[in-house]
N, C-alpha and C. Protein backbone atom coordinates (compact mmCIF):
# COMPACT_ATOMS: atom_id res chain seq x y z
N MET A 1 5.71 -6.15 -18.80
CA MET A 1 7.13 -6.31 -19.01
C MET A 1 7.51 -7.75 -18.73
N SER A 2 8.38 -8.27 -19.52
CA SER A 2 8.92 -9.59 -19.22
C SER A 2 10.34 -9.40 -18.70
N GLU A 3 10.84 -10.43 -18.02
CA GLU A 3 12.17 -10.31 -17.48
C GLU A 3 12.89 -11.64 -17.56
N GLU A 4 14.22 -11.56 -17.65
CA GLU A 4 15.07 -12.73 -17.64
C GLU A 4 16.07 -12.52 -16.52
N TYR A 5 16.15 -13.49 -15.60
CA TYR A 5 17.07 -13.37 -14.49
C TYR A 5 18.36 -14.10 -14.80
N GLY A 6 19.47 -13.55 -14.41
CA GLY A 6 20.76 -14.19 -14.57
C GLY A 6 21.79 -13.42 -13.78
N ASN A 7 22.48 -14.09 -12.86
CA ASN A 7 23.42 -13.44 -11.95
C ASN A 7 22.73 -12.24 -11.31
N ASP A 8 23.31 -11.06 -11.43
CA ASP A 8 22.70 -9.88 -10.83
C ASP A 8 22.18 -8.93 -11.89
N TYR A 9 21.81 -9.46 -13.04
CA TYR A 9 21.33 -8.63 -14.13
C TYR A 9 19.95 -9.09 -14.59
N VAL A 10 19.19 -8.15 -15.09
CA VAL A 10 17.85 -8.43 -15.60
C VAL A 10 17.73 -7.71 -16.94
N VAL A 11 17.18 -8.41 -17.92
CA VAL A 11 16.87 -7.77 -19.19
C VAL A 11 15.35 -7.62 -19.24
N LEU A 12 14.90 -6.37 -19.25
CA LEU A 12 13.47 -6.08 -19.30
C LEU A 12 13.07 -5.71 -20.71
N THR A 13 11.90 -6.16 -21.10
CA THR A 13 11.33 -5.80 -22.39
C THR A 13 10.04 -5.04 -22.11
N ASP A 14 9.98 -3.79 -22.56
CA ASP A 14 8.78 -3.00 -22.30
C ASP A 14 7.68 -3.32 -23.30
N GLU A 15 6.57 -2.64 -23.16
CA GLU A 15 5.41 -2.91 -24.02
C GLU A 15 5.66 -2.56 -25.48
N ASN A 16 6.74 -1.80 -25.76
CA ASN A 16 7.10 -1.45 -27.13
C ASN A 16 8.17 -2.37 -27.71
N GLY A 17 8.57 -3.39 -26.94
CA GLY A 17 9.56 -4.34 -27.40
C GLY A 17 11.00 -3.89 -27.23
N VAL A 18 11.23 -2.79 -26.52
CA VAL A 18 12.57 -2.27 -26.29
C VAL A 18 13.18 -2.99 -25.08
N GLU A 19 14.40 -3.55 -25.26
CA GLU A 19 15.07 -4.25 -24.18
C GLU A 19 16.06 -3.32 -23.48
N VAL A 20 16.08 -3.44 -22.14
CA VAL A 20 16.99 -2.66 -21.31
C VAL A 20 17.62 -3.62 -20.31
N GLU A 21 18.96 -3.58 -20.20
CA GLU A 21 19.64 -4.42 -19.23
C GLU A 21 19.90 -3.60 -17.96
N LEU A 22 19.49 -4.17 -16.82
CA LEU A 22 19.65 -3.50 -15.53
C LEU A 22 20.44 -4.39 -14.58
N GLU A 23 21.20 -3.74 -13.70
CA GLU A 23 21.91 -4.46 -12.65
C GLU A 23 21.07 -4.41 -11.37
N HIS A 24 20.82 -5.57 -10.79
CA HIS A 24 20.04 -5.66 -9.56
C HIS A 24 20.93 -5.30 -8.38
N LEU A 25 20.49 -4.34 -7.56
CA LEU A 25 21.26 -3.91 -6.40
C LEU A 25 20.74 -4.46 -5.09
N ASP A 26 19.42 -4.51 -4.94
CA ASP A 26 18.86 -4.88 -3.64
C ASP A 26 17.40 -5.27 -3.81
N THR A 27 16.91 -6.06 -2.85
CA THR A 27 15.51 -6.46 -2.80
C THR A 27 15.02 -6.26 -1.37
N VAL A 28 13.82 -5.70 -1.23
CA VAL A 28 13.22 -5.45 0.07
C VAL A 28 11.78 -5.92 0.06
N GLU A 29 11.36 -6.59 1.13
CA GLU A 29 9.93 -6.87 1.30
C GLU A 29 9.40 -5.84 2.28
N TYR A 30 8.38 -5.11 1.87
CA TYR A 30 7.83 -4.02 2.66
C TYR A 30 6.31 -4.01 2.47
N ASN A 31 5.57 -4.03 3.57
CA ASN A 31 4.11 -4.06 3.52
C ASN A 31 3.60 -5.19 2.63
N ASP A 32 4.18 -6.37 2.80
CA ASP A 32 3.79 -7.58 2.06
C ASP A 32 3.98 -7.47 0.55
N THR A 33 4.85 -6.56 0.11
CA THR A 33 5.17 -6.41 -1.31
C THR A 33 6.69 -6.49 -1.46
N ILE A 34 7.14 -7.14 -2.51
CA ILE A 34 8.57 -7.23 -2.79
C ILE A 34 8.94 -6.13 -3.78
N TYR A 35 9.95 -5.35 -3.40
CA TYR A 35 10.48 -4.27 -4.24
C TYR A 35 11.92 -4.59 -4.59
N MET A 36 12.33 -4.18 -5.79
CA MET A 36 13.68 -4.42 -6.26
C MET A 36 14.26 -3.11 -6.80
N ALA A 37 15.55 -2.89 -6.50
CA ALA A 37 16.24 -1.68 -6.96
C ALA A 37 17.28 -2.06 -8.00
N PHE A 38 17.36 -1.25 -9.06
CA PHE A 38 18.26 -1.49 -10.18
C PHE A 38 18.94 -0.20 -10.61
N ILE A 39 20.06 -0.36 -11.34
CA ILE A 39 20.66 0.74 -12.09
C ILE A 39 20.92 0.20 -13.49
N PRO A 40 21.06 1.08 -14.49
CA PRO A 40 21.41 0.61 -15.83
C PRO A 40 22.70 -0.20 -15.78
N ALA A 41 22.75 -1.31 -16.47
CA ALA A 41 23.88 -2.24 -16.40
C ALA A 41 25.19 -1.62 -16.85
N GLU A 42 25.15 -0.68 -17.76
CA GLU A 42 26.40 -0.11 -18.27
C GLU A 42 27.02 0.90 -17.31
N MET A 43 26.34 1.24 -16.24
CA MET A 43 26.86 2.21 -15.28
C MET A 43 27.70 1.53 -14.21
N LYS A 44 28.63 2.28 -13.64
CA LYS A 44 29.43 1.83 -12.51
C LYS A 44 28.78 2.39 -11.24
N LEU A 45 28.88 1.65 -10.15
CA LEU A 45 28.26 2.09 -8.89
C LEU A 45 28.83 3.42 -8.40
N GLU A 46 30.08 3.72 -8.76
CA GLU A 46 30.70 4.95 -8.31
C GLU A 46 30.12 6.17 -9.04
N GLU A 47 29.54 5.95 -10.20
CA GLU A 47 28.99 7.05 -10.99
C GLU A 47 27.66 7.51 -10.40
N SER A 48 27.31 8.73 -10.72
CA SER A 48 26.00 9.23 -10.34
C SER A 48 24.96 8.50 -11.19
N TYR A 49 23.89 8.07 -10.57
CA TYR A 49 22.91 7.28 -11.29
C TYR A 49 21.50 7.53 -10.76
N GLU A 50 20.55 7.14 -11.55
CA GLU A 50 19.15 7.19 -11.13
C GLU A 50 18.74 5.78 -10.73
N LEU A 51 18.28 5.64 -9.51
CA LEU A 51 17.85 4.35 -9.01
C LEU A 51 16.50 4.00 -9.64
N ILE A 52 16.40 2.79 -10.16
CA ILE A 52 15.15 2.32 -10.77
C ILE A 52 14.53 1.33 -9.79
N ILE A 53 13.34 1.65 -9.31
CA ILE A 53 12.66 0.81 -8.33
C ILE A 53 11.41 0.22 -8.95
N MET A 54 11.28 -1.09 -8.82
CA MET A 54 10.12 -1.79 -9.37
C MET A 54 9.58 -2.72 -8.29
N LYS A 55 8.33 -3.13 -8.45
CA LYS A 55 7.78 -4.09 -7.50
C LYS A 55 7.35 -5.35 -8.24
N VAL A 56 7.31 -6.44 -7.47
CA VAL A 56 6.95 -7.73 -8.02
C VAL A 56 5.45 -7.93 -7.82
N GLU A 57 4.75 -8.25 -8.90
CA GLU A 57 3.32 -8.57 -8.85
C GLU A 57 3.09 -9.89 -9.56
N LYS A 58 1.99 -10.53 -9.21
CA LYS A 58 1.61 -11.78 -9.86
C LYS A 58 0.70 -11.47 -11.03
N GLU A 59 0.99 -12.11 -12.17
CA GLU A 59 0.13 -12.00 -13.34
C GLU A 59 0.06 -13.39 -13.97
N ASP A 60 -1.13 -13.95 -14.01
CA ASP A 60 -1.33 -15.30 -14.54
C ASP A 60 -0.42 -16.32 -13.85
N GLY A 61 -0.24 -16.13 -12.52
CA GLY A 61 0.56 -17.06 -11.74
C GLY A 61 2.06 -16.85 -11.83
N GLU A 62 2.50 -15.86 -12.60
CA GLU A 62 3.93 -15.58 -12.75
C GLU A 62 4.29 -14.26 -12.09
N ASP A 63 5.52 -14.18 -11.56
CA ASP A 63 6.02 -12.93 -11.01
C ASP A 63 6.45 -12.03 -12.16
N ILE A 64 6.01 -10.79 -12.12
CA ILE A 64 6.46 -9.80 -13.11
C ILE A 64 6.90 -8.55 -12.37
N LEU A 65 7.79 -7.79 -12.98
CA LEU A 65 8.24 -6.53 -12.43
C LEU A 65 7.41 -5.41 -13.04
N VAL A 66 6.92 -4.52 -12.18
CA VAL A 66 6.12 -3.38 -12.65
C VAL A 66 6.67 -2.09 -12.05
N THR A 67 6.51 -1.01 -12.78
CA THR A 67 6.96 0.29 -12.30
C THR A 67 6.00 0.80 -11.22
N LEU A 68 6.50 1.71 -10.40
CA LEU A 68 5.68 2.30 -9.35
C LEU A 68 5.03 3.57 -9.89
N ASP A 69 3.72 3.59 -9.91
CA ASP A 69 2.99 4.75 -10.41
C ASP A 69 2.65 5.75 -9.31
N ASP A 70 2.59 5.28 -8.08
CA ASP A 70 2.23 6.13 -6.94
C ASP A 70 3.49 6.87 -6.45
N GLU A 71 3.48 8.20 -6.53
CA GLU A 71 4.64 9.01 -6.14
C GLU A 71 5.01 8.82 -4.68
N ASP A 72 4.01 8.71 -3.79
CA ASP A 72 4.30 8.51 -2.37
C ASP A 72 4.98 7.16 -2.13
N GLU A 73 4.50 6.13 -2.80
CA GLU A 73 5.11 4.81 -2.69
C GLU A 73 6.54 4.85 -3.23
N LEU A 74 6.75 5.50 -4.36
CA LEU A 74 8.07 5.62 -4.96
C LEU A 74 9.02 6.37 -4.03
N ASP A 75 8.57 7.49 -3.48
CA ASP A 75 9.40 8.27 -2.56
C ASP A 75 9.79 7.47 -1.32
N GLU A 76 8.83 6.74 -0.77
CA GLU A 76 9.09 5.94 0.42
C GLU A 76 10.11 4.83 0.14
N MET A 77 9.93 4.15 -0.98
CA MET A 77 10.85 3.07 -1.33
C MET A 77 12.23 3.61 -1.71
N PHE A 78 12.28 4.77 -2.35
CA PHE A 78 13.56 5.39 -2.67
C PHE A 78 14.34 5.67 -1.39
N GLN A 79 13.66 6.18 -0.38
CA GLN A 79 14.31 6.47 0.90
C GLN A 79 14.84 5.19 1.54
N ILE A 80 14.04 4.14 1.54
CA ILE A 80 14.45 2.86 2.13
C ILE A 80 15.66 2.29 1.40
N PHE A 81 15.59 2.23 0.07
CA PHE A 81 16.72 1.68 -0.69
C PHE A 81 17.96 2.56 -0.55
N SER A 82 17.81 3.86 -0.55
CA SER A 82 18.96 4.76 -0.42
C SER A 82 19.69 4.52 0.90
N GLU A 83 18.93 4.39 1.97
CA GLU A 83 19.54 4.13 3.28
C GLU A 83 20.25 2.78 3.30
N ARG A 84 19.60 1.75 2.75
CA ARG A 84 20.20 0.42 2.73
C ARG A 84 21.47 0.39 1.89
N LEU A 85 21.45 1.04 0.73
CA LEU A 85 22.63 1.05 -0.14
C LEU A 85 23.76 1.86 0.48
N GLU A 86 23.44 2.96 1.15
CA GLU A 86 24.46 3.76 1.83
C GLU A 86 25.13 2.94 2.92
N GLU A 87 24.35 2.20 3.71
CA GLU A 87 24.91 1.34 4.75
C GLU A 87 25.81 0.27 4.13
N THR A 88 25.39 -0.31 3.02
CA THR A 88 26.18 -1.35 2.36
C THR A 88 27.52 -0.79 1.91
N PHE A 89 27.52 0.39 1.29
CA PHE A 89 28.77 0.98 0.81
C PHE A 89 29.67 1.38 1.97
N GLU A 90 29.11 1.89 3.07
CA GLU A 90 29.90 2.23 4.24
C GLU A 90 30.56 0.99 4.81
N ASP A 91 29.81 -0.11 4.91
CA ASP A 91 30.36 -1.37 5.41
C ASP A 91 31.50 -1.87 4.52
N GLU A 92 31.32 -1.78 3.21
CA GLU A 92 32.36 -2.21 2.28
C GLU A 92 33.60 -1.34 2.39
N GLU A 93 33.42 -0.04 2.56
CA GLU A 93 34.57 0.87 2.71
C GLU A 93 35.33 0.56 3.99
N GLU A 94 34.60 0.26 5.08
CA GLU A 94 35.25 -0.09 6.34
C GLU A 94 36.04 -1.38 6.20
N LYS A 95 35.48 -2.38 5.55
CA LYS A 95 36.18 -3.64 5.34
C LYS A 95 37.43 -3.43 4.50
N GLU A 96 37.33 -2.62 3.47
CA GLU A 96 38.47 -2.35 2.60
C GLU A 96 39.56 -1.62 3.36
N ALA A 97 39.18 -0.66 4.20
CA ALA A 97 40.16 0.09 4.99
C ALA A 97 40.88 -0.84 5.97
N LYS A 98 40.15 -1.74 6.62
CA LYS A 98 40.77 -2.70 7.54
C LYS A 98 41.71 -3.62 6.80
N LYS A 99 41.30 -4.04 5.61
CA LYS A 99 42.10 -4.94 4.78
C LYS A 99 43.42 -4.28 4.39
N GLU A 100 43.37 -2.97 4.13
CA GLU A 100 44.55 -2.23 3.73
C GLU A 100 45.36 -1.75 4.92
N GLY A 101 44.87 -1.99 6.14
CA GLY A 101 45.60 -1.65 7.35
C GLY A 101 45.39 -0.24 7.85
N TYR A 102 44.29 0.38 7.52
CA TYR A 102 44.01 1.75 7.99
C TYR A 102 43.21 1.72 9.26
């Protein structure tokens, strides 16, 4: 897969040449590997969504994003990202409530 970075969005091109735009939500380094979490770009964070988790690997000296094939690795990273994103949204809700005087 190739990728183009810009702001918080990535356009991925799969092996069939199909392009998909994703919104980058978070990045975590875990066990010496960098993982990134995305949702489809056309979705709103408030909507129910499927989290897309990929890891960064080196190929010919370049960073590329690859899907997680190992179910245990995927489950573990899903748990980590879910907890981090939940904390982020709770913090934002608290800030908004304080801002509005609640």
